[in-house]
PDB file of all heavy atoms in Angstrom:
ATOM      1  N   ALA A   1     -26.322  18.317  -2.205  1.00  0.00           N
ATOM      2  CA  ALA A   1     -27.482  17.539  -2.224  1.00  0.00           C
ATOM      3  C   ALA A   1     -27.914  17.289  -3.661  1.00  0.00           C
ATOM      4  O   ALA A   1     -27.463  18.022  -4.551  1.00  0.00           O
ATOM      5  CB  ALA A   1     -28.562  18.297  -1.488  1.00  0.00           C
ATOM      6  N   PRO A   2     -28.746  16.378  -3.935  1.00  0.00           N
ATOM      7  CA  PRO A   2     -29.155  15.961  -5.257  1.00  0.00           C
ATOM      8  C   PRO A   2     -29.792  17.249  -5.969  1.00  0.00           C
ATOM      9  O   PRO A   2     -30.635  17.867  -5.397  1.00  0.00           O
ATOM     10  CB  PRO A   2     -30.189  14.956  -5.045  1.00  0.00           C
ATOM     11  CG  PRO A   2     -29.706  14.224  -3.814  1.00  0.00           C
ATOM     12  CD  PRO A   2     -29.315  15.346  -2.902  1.00  0.00           C
ATOM     13  N   GLY A   3     -29.330  17.497  -7.118  1.00  0.00           N
ATOM     14  CA  GLY A   3     -29.766  18.576  -7.997  1.00  0.00           C
ATOM     15  C   GLY A   3     -29.370  19.946  -7.478  1.00  0.00           C
ATOM     16  O   GLY A   3     -29.894  20.945  -8.078  1.00  0.00           O
ATOM     17  N   LYS A   4     -28.612  19.986  -6.600  1.00  0.00           N
ATOM     18  CA  LYS A   4     -28.082  21.251  -6.047  1.00  0.00           C
ATOM     19  C   LYS A   4     -26.571  21.472  -6.320  1.00  0.00           C
ATOM     20  O   LYS A   4     -25.887  20.606  -6.482  1.00  0.00           O
ATOM     21  CB  LYS A   4     -28.450  21.471  -4.556  1.00  0.00           C
ATOM     22  CG  LYS A   4     -29.949  21.499  -4.357  1.00  0.00           C
ATOM     23  CD  LYS A   4     -30.272  21.874  -2.912  1.00  0.00           C
ATOM     24  CE  LYS A   4     -31.752  21.942  -2.687  1.00  0.00           C
ATOM     25  NZ  LYS A   4     -32.130  22.336  -1.304  1.00  0.00           N
ATOM     26  N   GLN A   5     -26.060  22.757  -6.125  1.00  0.00           N
ATOM     27  CA  GLN A   5     -24.705  22.954  -6.255  1.00  0.00           C
ATOM     28  C   GLN A   5     -23.952  22.521  -4.991  1.00  0.00           C
ATOM     29  O   GLN A   5     -24.508  22.390  -3.887  1.00  0.00           O
ATOM     30  CB  GLN A   5     -24.400  24.459  -6.471  1.00  0.00           C
ATOM     31  CG  GLN A   5     -24.800  25.395  -5.376  1.00  0.00           C
ATOM     32  CD  GLN A   5     -24.630  26.843  -5.731  1.00  0.00           C
ATOM     33  OE1 GLN A   5     -24.468  27.272  -6.820  1.00  0.00           O
ATOM     34  NE2 GLN A   5     -24.404  27.721  -4.716  1.00  0.00           N
ATOM     35  N   ARG A   6     -22.618  22.393  -5.028  1.00  0.00           N
ATOM     36  CA  ARG A   6     -21.824  22.085  -3.867  1.00  0.00           C
ATOM     37  C   ARG A   6     -21.590  23.315  -3.114  1.00  0.00           C
ATOM     38  O   ARG A   6     -21.041  24.340  -3.627  1.00  0.00           O
ATOM     39  CB  ARG A   6     -20.464  21.520  -4.307  1.00  0.00           C
ATOM     40  CG  ARG A   6     -19.767  20.836  -3.352  1.00  0.00           C
ATOM     41  CD  ARG A   6     -18.437  20.168  -3.893  1.00  0.00           C
ATOM     42  NE  ARG A   6     -18.817  19.032  -4.811  1.00  0.00           N
ATOM     43  CZ  ARG A   6     -17.900  18.224  -5.315  1.00  0.00           C
ATOM     44  NH1 ARG A   6     -16.570  18.387  -5.000  1.00  0.00           N
ATOM     45  NH2 ARG A   6     -18.268  17.220  -6.140  1.00  0.00           N
ATOM     46  N   ASP A   7     -21.872  23.360  -1.909  1.00  0.00           N
ATOM     47  CA  ASP A   7     -21.723  24.530  -1.023  1.00  0.00           C
ATOM     48  C   ASP A   7     -20.763  24.224   0.218  1.00  0.00           C
ATOM     49  O   ASP A   7     -20.716  23.083   0.697  1.00  0.00           O
ATOM     50  CB  ASP A   7     -23.106  24.893  -0.458  1.00  0.00           C
ATOM     51  CG  ASP A   7     -24.014  25.398  -1.484  1.00  0.00           C
ATOM     52  OD1 ASP A   7     -23.591  26.100  -2.448  1.00  0.00           O
ATOM     53  OD2 ASP A   7     -25.289  25.092  -1.413  1.00  0.00           O
ATOM     54  N   LEU A   8     -20.194  25.304   0.660  1.00  0.00           N
ATOM     55  CA  LEU A   8     -19.343  25.305   1.861  1.00  0.00           C
ATOM     56  C   LEU A   8     -20.167  25.040   3.140  1.00  0.00           C
ATOM     57  O   LEU A   8     -21.247  25.645   3.206  1.00  0.00           O
ATOM     58  CB  LEU A   8     -18.513  26.596   1.935  1.00  0.00           C
ATOM     59  CG  LEU A   8     -17.671  26.692   3.224  1.00  0.00           C
ATOM     60  CD1 LEU A   8     -16.563  25.704   3.206  1.00  0.00           C
ATOM     61  CD2 LEU A   8     -17.132  28.248   3.248  1.00  0.00           C
ATOM     62  N   VAL A   9     -19.645  24.064   3.919  1.00  0.00           N
ATOM     63  CA  VAL A   9     -20.289  23.829   5.173  1.00  0.00           C
ATOM     64  C   VAL A   9     -19.544  24.533   6.354  1.00  0.00           C
ATOM     65  O   VAL A   9     -20.024  25.216   7.164  1.00  0.00           O
ATOM     66  CB  VAL A   9     -20.393  22.326   5.465  1.00  0.00           C
ATOM     67  CG1 VAL A   9     -20.995  22.049   6.918  1.00  0.00           C
ATOM     68  CG2 VAL A   9     -21.264  21.637   4.324  1.00  0.00           C
ATOM     69  N   ALA A  10     -18.193  24.207   6.235  1.00  0.00           N
ATOM     70  CA  ALA A  10     -17.353  24.718   7.305  1.00  0.00           C
ATOM     71  C   ALA A  10     -15.877  24.716   6.832  1.00  0.00           C
ATOM     72  O   ALA A  10     -15.561  23.866   6.010  1.00  0.00           O
ATOM     73  CB  ALA A  10     -17.369  23.862   8.568  1.00  0.00           C
ATOM     74  N   ARG A  11     -15.106  25.626   7.406  1.00  0.00           N
ATOM     75  CA  ARG A  11     -13.691  25.646   7.083  1.00  0.00           C
ATOM     76  C   ARG A  11     -12.864  25.968   8.236  1.00  0.00           C
ATOM     77  O   ARG A  11     -13.416  26.520   9.136  1.00  0.00           O
ATOM     78  CB  ARG A  11     -13.340  26.560   5.946  1.00  0.00           C
ATOM     79  CG  ARG A  11     -13.600  28.092   6.229  1.00  0.00           C
ATOM     80  CD  ARG A  11     -13.233  28.876   5.122  1.00  0.00           C
ATOM     81  NE  ARG A  11     -13.486  30.386   5.356  1.00  0.00           N
ATOM     82  CZ  ARG A  11     -12.914  31.252   4.686  1.00  0.00           C
ATOM     83  NH1 ARG A  11     -12.335  31.042   3.480  1.00  0.00           N
ATOM     84  NH2 ARG A  11     -13.180  32.594   5.014  1.00  0.00           N
ATOM     85  N   ILE A  12     -11.595  25.419   8.236  1.00  0.00           N
ATOM     86  CA  ILE A  12     -10.717  25.770   9.357  1.00  0.00           C
ATOM     87  C   ILE A  12      -9.333  26.170   8.779  1.00  0.00           C
ATOM     88  O   ILE A  12      -8.870  25.623   7.870  1.00  0.00           O
ATOM     89  CB  ILE A  12     -10.588  24.605  10.295  1.00  0.00           C
ATOM     90  CG1 ILE A  12      -9.675  24.893  11.430  1.00  0.00           C
ATOM     91  CG2 ILE A  12     -10.045  23.356   9.565  1.00  0.00           C
ATOM     92  CD1 ILE A  12      -9.739  23.931  12.645  1.00  0.00           C
ATOM     93  N   ILE A  13      -8.865  27.443   9.240  1.00  0.00           N
ATOM     94  CA  ILE A  13      -7.688  28.004   8.742  1.00  0.00           C
ATOM     95  C   ILE A  13      -6.465  27.396   9.487  1.00  0.00           C
ATOM     96  O   ILE A  13      -6.650  26.944  10.616  1.00  0.00           O
ATOM     97  CB  ILE A  13      -7.645  29.494   8.856  1.00  0.00           C
ATOM     98  CG1 ILE A  13      -9.000  30.053   8.346  1.00  0.00           C
ATOM     99  CG2 ILE A  13      -6.613  30.199   8.044  1.00  0.00           C
ATOM    100  CD1 ILE A  13      -9.387  29.792   6.992  1.00  0.00           C
ATOM    101  N   SER A  14      -5.271  27.430   8.980  1.00  0.00           N
ATOM    102  CA  SER A  14      -4.066  26.816   9.713  1.00  0.00           C
ATOM    103  C   SER A  14      -3.948  27.308  11.092  1.00  0.00           C
ATOM    104  O   SER A  14      -3.419  26.613  11.901  1.00  0.00           O
ATOM    105  CB  SER A  14      -2.916  27.026   8.821  1.00  0.00           C
ATOM    106  OG  SER A  14      -2.699  28.460   8.645  1.00  0.00           O
ATOM    107  N   GLY A  15      -4.306  28.666  11.366  1.00  0.00           N
ATOM    108  CA  GLY A  15      -4.133  29.120  12.642  1.00  0.00           C
ATOM    109  C   GLY A  15      -5.158  28.738  13.592  1.00  0.00           C
ATOM    110  O   GLY A  15      -5.085  28.960  14.841  1.00  0.00           O
ATOM    111  N   GLY A  16      -6.208  27.992  13.172  1.00  0.00           N
ATOM    112  CA  GLY A  16      -7.278  27.503  14.037  1.00  0.00           C
ATOM    113  C   GLY A  16      -8.600  28.130  13.917  1.00  0.00           C
ATOM    114  O   GLY A  16      -9.550  27.634  14.486  1.00  0.00           O
ATOM    115  N   SER A  17      -8.679  29.392  13.213  1.00  0.00           N
ATOM    116  CA  SER A  17      -9.996  29.994  13.145  1.00  0.00           C
ATOM    117  C   SER A  17     -10.875  29.146  12.266  1.00  0.00           C
ATOM    118  O   SER A  17     -10.383  28.458  11.357  1.00  0.00           O
ATOM    119  CB  SER A  17      -9.809  31.405  12.660  1.00  0.00           C
ATOM    120  OG  SER A  17      -9.267  31.444  11.295  1.00  0.00           O
ATOM    121  N   THR A  18     -12.257  29.308  12.514  1.00  0.00           N
ATOM    122  CA  THR A  18     -13.286  28.559  11.778  1.00  0.00           C
ATOM    123  C   THR A  18     -14.414  29.425  11.268  1.00  0.00           C
ATOM    124  O   THR A  18     -14.635  30.508  11.820  1.00  0.00           O
ATOM    125  CB  THR A  18     -13.810  27.517  12.753  1.00  0.00           C
ATOM    126  OG1 THR A  18     -14.369  28.096  13.916  1.00  0.00           O
ATOM    127  CG2 THR A  18     -12.765  26.486  13.200  1.00  0.00           C
ATOM    128  N   ASP A  19     -14.939  28.983  10.258  1.00  0.00           N
ATOM    129  CA  ASP A  19     -16.186  29.606   9.682  1.00  0.00           C
ATOM    130  C   ASP A  19     -17.234  28.475   9.310  1.00  0.00           C
ATOM    131  O   ASP A  19     -16.800  27.360   8.954  1.00  0.00           O
ATOM    132  CB  ASP A  19     -15.920  30.241   8.337  1.00  0.00           C
ATOM    133  CG  ASP A  19     -15.049  31.568   8.587  1.00  0.00           C
ATOM    134  OD1 ASP A  19     -15.291  32.270   9.434  1.00  0.00           O
ATOM    135  OD2 ASP A  19     -14.056  31.695   7.791  1.00  0.00           O
ATOM    136  N   TYR A  20     -18.455  28.919   9.557  1.00  0.00           N
ATOM    137  CA  TYR A  20     -19.632  28.029   9.206  1.00  0.00           C
ATOM    138  C   TYR A  20     -20.716  28.534   8.515  1.00  0.00           C
ATOM    139  O   TYR A  20     -20.977  29.806   8.574  1.00  0.00           O
ATOM    140  CB  TYR A  20     -20.112  27.365  10.624  1.00  0.00           C
ATOM    141  CG  TYR A  20     -19.171  26.702  11.530  1.00  0.00           C
ATOM    142  CD1 TYR A  20     -18.524  27.308  12.373  1.00  0.00           C
ATOM    143  CD2 TYR A  20     -19.131  25.272  11.342  1.00  0.00           C
ATOM    144  CE1 TYR A  20     -17.624  26.632  13.297  1.00  0.00           C
ATOM    145  CE2 TYR A  20     -18.225  24.691  12.167  1.00  0.00           C
ATOM    146  CZ  TYR A  20     -17.531  25.331  13.151  1.00  0.00           C
ATOM    147  OH  TYR A  20     -16.538  24.589  13.950  1.00  0.00           O
ATOM    148  N   THR A  21     -21.284  27.842   7.659  1.00  0.00           N
ATOM    149  CA  THR A  21     -22.476  28.334   6.987  1.00  0.00           C
ATOM    150  C   THR A  21     -23.510  28.445   8.113  1.00  0.00           C
ATOM    151  O   THR A  21     -23.603  27.718   8.995  1.00  0.00           O
ATOM    152  CB  THR A  21     -22.954  27.408   5.778  1.00  0.00           C
ATOM    153  OG1 THR A  21     -23.962  28.134   5.112  1.00  0.00           O
ATOM    154  CG2 THR A  21     -23.440  26.128   6.306  1.00  0.00           C
ATOM    155  N   ASP A  22     -24.427  29.316   7.874  1.00  0.00           N
ATOM    156  CA  ASP A  22     -25.443  29.756   8.923  1.00  0.00           C
ATOM    157  C   ASP A  22     -26.307  28.530   9.323  1.00  0.00           C
ATOM    158  O   ASP A  22     -26.634  28.405  10.458  1.00  0.00           O
ATOM    159  CB  ASP A  22     -26.346  30.909   8.417  1.00  0.00           C
ATOM    160  CG  ASP A  22     -25.632  32.251   8.478  1.00  0.00           C
ATOM    161  OD1 ASP A  22     -24.608  32.336   9.083  1.00  0.00           O
ATOM    162  OD2 ASP A  22     -26.194  33.252   7.834  1.00  0.00           O
ATOM    163  N   SER A  23     -26.618  27.720   8.466  1.00  0.00           N
ATOM    164  CA  SER A  23     -27.608  26.689   8.640  1.00  0.00           C
ATOM    165  C   SER A  23     -27.108  25.556   9.672  1.00  0.00           C
ATOM    166  O   SER A  23     -27.722  24.716  10.075  1.00  0.00           O
ATOM    167  CB  SER A  23     -28.043  25.935   7.384  1.00  0.00           C
ATOM    168  OG  SER A  23     -27.004  25.440   6.687  1.00  0.00           O
ATOM    169  N   VAL A  24     -25.712  25.528   9.826  1.00  0.00           N
ATOM    170  CA  VAL A  24     -25.136  24.451  10.771  1.00  0.00           C
ATOM    171  C   VAL A  24     -24.485  25.068  11.940  1.00  0.00           C
ATOM    172  O   VAL A  24     -23.893  24.354  12.777  1.00  0.00           O
ATOM    173  CB  VAL A  24     -24.074  23.707   9.956  1.00  0.00           C
ATOM    174  CG1 VAL A  24     -24.594  23.167   8.658  1.00  0.00           C
ATOM    175  CG2 VAL A  24     -22.785  24.468   9.599  1.00  0.00           C
ATOM    176  N   LYS A  25     -24.473  26.464  12.100  1.00  0.00           N
ATOM    177  CA  LYS A  25     -23.858  27.001  13.340  1.00  0.00           C
ATOM    178  C   LYS A  25     -24.524  26.566  14.538  1.00  0.00           C
ATOM    179  O   LYS A  25     -25.767  26.461  14.697  1.00  0.00           O
ATOM    180  CB  LYS A  25     -23.999  28.559  13.219  1.00  0.00           C
ATOM    181  CG  LYS A  25     -22.998  29.170  12.153  1.00  0.00           C
ATOM    182  CD  LYS A  25     -23.173  30.715  12.162  1.00  0.00           C
ATOM    183  CE  LYS A  25     -22.243  31.279  11.151  1.00  0.00           C
ATOM    184  NZ  LYS A  25     -22.408  32.824  11.010  1.00  0.00           N
ATOM    185  N   GLY A  26     -23.717  26.143  15.498  1.00  0.00           N
ATOM    186  CA  GLY A  26     -24.236  25.695  16.778  1.00  0.00           C
ATOM    187  C   GLY A  26     -24.534  24.114  16.596  1.00  0.00           C
ATOM    188  O   GLY A  26     -24.820  23.620  17.800  1.00  0.00           O
ATOM    189  N   ARG A  27     -24.523  23.568  15.536  1.00  0.00           N
ATOM    190  CA  ARG A  27     -24.675  22.118  15.442  1.00  0.00           C
ATOM    191  C   ARG A  27     -23.474  21.298  14.925  1.00  0.00           C
ATOM    192  O   ARG A  27     -23.256  20.159  15.417  1.00  0.00           O
ATOM    193  CB  ARG A  27     -25.903  21.776  14.515  1.00  0.00           C
ATOM    194  CG  ARG A  27     -27.135  22.472  14.883  1.00  0.00           C
ATOM    195  CD  ARG A  27     -28.373  22.008  13.920  1.00  0.00           C
ATOM    196  NE  ARG A  27     -28.153  22.250  12.498  1.00  0.00           N
ATOM    197  CZ  ARG A  27     -28.101  21.416  11.655  1.00  0.00           C
ATOM    198  NH1 ARG A  27     -28.208  20.147  11.767  1.00  0.00           N
ATOM    199  NH2 ARG A  27     -28.035  21.921  10.275  1.00  0.00           N
ATOM    200  N   PHE A  28     -22.677  21.918  14.059  1.00  0.00           N
ATOM    201  CA  PHE A  28     -21.465  21.316  13.461  1.00  0.00           C
ATOM    202  C   PHE A  28     -20.259  21.903  14.105  1.00  0.00           C
ATOM    203  O   PHE A  28     -20.208  23.149  14.342  1.00  0.00           O
ATOM    204  CB  PHE A  28     -21.446  21.436  12.055  1.00  0.00           C
ATOM    205  CG  PHE A  28     -22.470  20.689  11.207  1.00  0.00           C
ATOM    206  CD1 PHE A  28     -23.627  20.014  11.971  1.00  0.00           C
ATOM    207  CD2 PHE A  28     -22.469  20.481   9.842  1.00  0.00           C
ATOM    208  CE1 PHE A  28     -24.589  19.337  11.225  1.00  0.00           C
ATOM    209  CE2 PHE A  28     -23.447  19.820   9.109  1.00  0.00           C
ATOM    210  CZ  PHE A  28     -24.544  19.259   9.836  1.00  0.00           C
ATOM    211  N   THR A  29     -19.223  21.008  14.214  1.00  0.00           N
ATOM    212  CA  THR A  29     -17.907  21.572  14.630  1.00  0.00           C
ATOM    213  C   THR A  29     -16.862  20.939  13.813  1.00  0.00           C
ATOM    214  O   THR A  29     -16.816  19.696  13.668  1.00  0.00           O
ATOM    215  CB  THR A  29     -17.538  21.150  16.052  1.00  0.00           C
ATOM    216  OG1 THR A  29     -18.646  21.731  16.935  1.00  0.00           O
ATOM    217  CG2 THR A  29     -16.302  21.767  16.608  1.00  0.00           C
ATOM    218  N   ILE A  30     -15.998  21.909  13.178  1.00  0.00           N
ATOM    219  CA  ILE A  30     -14.927  21.431  12.339  1.00  0.00           C
ATOM    220  C   ILE A  30     -13.640  21.496  13.215  1.00  0.00           C
ATOM    221  O   ILE A  30     -13.427  22.442  14.030  1.00  0.00           O
ATOM    222  CB  ILE A  30     -14.683  22.184  11.073  1.00  0.00           C
ATOM    223  CG1 ILE A  30     -13.690  21.525  10.145  1.00  0.00           C
ATOM    224  CG2 ILE A  30     -14.362  23.626  11.436  1.00  0.00           C
ATOM    225  CD1 ILE A  30     -13.602  22.293   8.805  1.00  0.00           C
ATOM    226  N   SER A  31     -12.734  20.567  13.125  1.00  0.00           N
ATOM    227  CA  SER A  31     -11.514  20.453  13.940  1.00  0.00           C
ATOM    228  C   SER A  31     -10.436  19.835  12.912  1.00  0.00           C
ATOM    229  O   SER A  31     -10.737  19.110  11.993  1.00  0.00           O
ATOM    230  CB  SER A  31     -11.579  19.822  15.178  1.00  0.00           C
ATOM    231  OG  SER A  31     -11.972  18.485  15.086  1.00  0.00           O
ATOM    232  N   ARG A  32      -9.187  20.074  13.302  1.00  0.00           N
ATOM    233  CA  ARG A  32      -8.033  19.483  12.470  1.00  0.00           C
ATOM    234  C   ARG A  32      -6.956  18.928  13.511  1.00  0.00           C
ATOM    235  O   ARG A  32      -6.745  19.674  14.580  1.00  0.00           O
ATOM    236  CB  ARG A  32      -7.474  20.364  11.572  1.00  0.00           C
ATOM    237  CG  ARG A  32      -6.771  21.626  12.074  1.00  0.00           C
ATOM    238  CD  ARG A  32      -6.532  22.610  10.959  1.00  0.00           C
ATOM    239  NE  ARG A  32      -5.385  22.316  10.154  1.00  0.00           N
ATOM    240  CZ  ARG A  32      -5.104  22.978   8.948  1.00  0.00           C
ATOM    241  NH1 ARG A  32      -5.776  24.017   8.567  1.00  0.00           N
ATOM    242  NH2 ARG A  32      -4.051  22.571   8.200  1.00  0.00           N
ATOM    243  N   ASP A  33      -6.539  17.755  13.198  1.00  0.00           N
ATOM    244  CA  ASP A  33      -5.419  17.118  14.037  1.00  0.00           C
ATOM    245  C   ASP A  33      -4.250  17.011  13.099  1.00  0.00           C
ATOM    246  O   ASP A  33      -4.143  16.050  12.352  1.00  0.00           O
ATOM    247  CB  ASP A  33      -5.886  15.844  14.518  1.00  0.00           C
ATOM    248  CG  ASP A  33      -4.859  15.181  15.468  1.00  0.00           C
ATOM    249  OD1 ASP A  33      -3.645  15.591  15.348  1.00  0.00           O
ATOM    250  OD2 ASP A  33      -5.176  14.311  16.320  1.00  0.00           O
ATOM    251  N   ASN A  34      -3.365  18.001  13.072  1.00  0.00           N
ATOM    252  CA  ASN A  34      -2.165  17.948  12.195  1.00  0.00           C
ATOM    253  C   ASN A  34      -1.363  16.741  12.341  1.00  0.00           C
ATOM    254  O   ASN A  34      -0.724  16.326  11.369  1.00  0.00           O
ATOM    255  CB  ASN A  34      -1.457  19.257  12.362  1.00  0.00           C
ATOM    256  CG  ASN A  34      -2.264  20.461  11.758  1.00  0.00           C
ATOM    257  OD1 ASN A  34      -3.075  20.323  10.962  1.00  0.00           O
ATOM    258  ND2 ASN A  34      -1.816  21.661  12.307  1.00  0.00           N
ATOM    259  N   ALA A  35      -1.290  16.268  13.618  1.00  0.00           N
ATOM    260  CA  ALA A  35      -0.379  15.072  13.732  1.00  0.00           C
ATOM    261  C   ALA A  35      -0.985  13.838  13.058  1.00  0.00           C
ATOM    262  O   ALA A  35      -0.151  12.929  12.729  1.00  0.00           O
ATOM    263  CB  ALA A  35      -0.216  14.855  15.273  1.00  0.00           C
ATOM    264  N   LYS A  36      -2.180  13.802  12.914  1.00  0.00           N
ATOM    265  CA  LYS A  36      -2.819  12.636  12.323  1.00  0.00           C
ATOM    266  C   LYS A  36      -3.182  12.957  10.776  1.00  0.00           C
ATOM    267  O   LYS A  36      -3.886  12.062  10.186  1.00  0.00           O
ATOM    268  CB  LYS A  36      -4.096  12.193  13.027  1.00  0.00           C
ATOM    269  CG  LYS A  36      -3.850  11.719  14.486  1.00  0.00           C
ATOM    270  CD  LYS A  36      -5.092  11.192  15.101  1.00  0.00           C
ATOM    271  CE  LYS A  36      -4.766  10.618  16.524  1.00  0.00           C
ATOM    272  NZ  LYS A  36      -6.013  10.126  17.236  1.00  0.00           N
ATOM    273  N   ASN A  37      -2.860  14.151  10.408  1.00  0.00           N
ATOM    274  CA  ASN A  37      -3.273  14.604   9.023  1.00  0.00           C
ATOM    275  C   ASN A  37      -4.738  14.417   8.772  1.00  0.00           C
ATOM    276  O   ASN A  37      -5.108  13.906   7.647  1.00  0.00           O
ATOM    277  CB  ASN A  37      -2.384  13.818   8.015  1.00  0.00           C
ATOM    278  CG  ASN A  37      -0.851  13.954   8.085  1.00  0.00           C
ATOM    279  OD1 ASN A  37      -0.487  15.122   8.394  1.00  0.00           O
ATOM    280  ND2 ASN A  37      -0.154  13.023   7.991  1.00  0.00           N
ATOM    281  N   THR A  38      -5.535  14.739   9.701  1.00  0.00           N
ATOM    282  CA  THR A  38      -6.990  14.439   9.630  1.00  0.00           C
ATOM    283  C   THR A  38      -7.708  15.749  10.018  1.00  0.00           C
ATOM    284  O   THR A  38      -7.338  16.463  10.977  1.00  0.00           O
ATOM    285  CB  THR A  38      -7.348  13.245  10.575  1.00  0.00           C
ATOM    286  OG1 THR A  38      -6.645  12.083  10.107  1.00  0.00           O
ATOM    287  CG2 THR A  38      -8.809  12.999  10.419  1.00  0.00           C
TER     288      THR A  38
END
């Protein structure tokens, strides 16, 4: 955000496990499609 540092929102490990910052838990979902490199 303007004037703030860059912070982690969500991450996904190659095995599929995920982590979220507390403020987005239950609202945001991270996913990966390896076939589409996305």
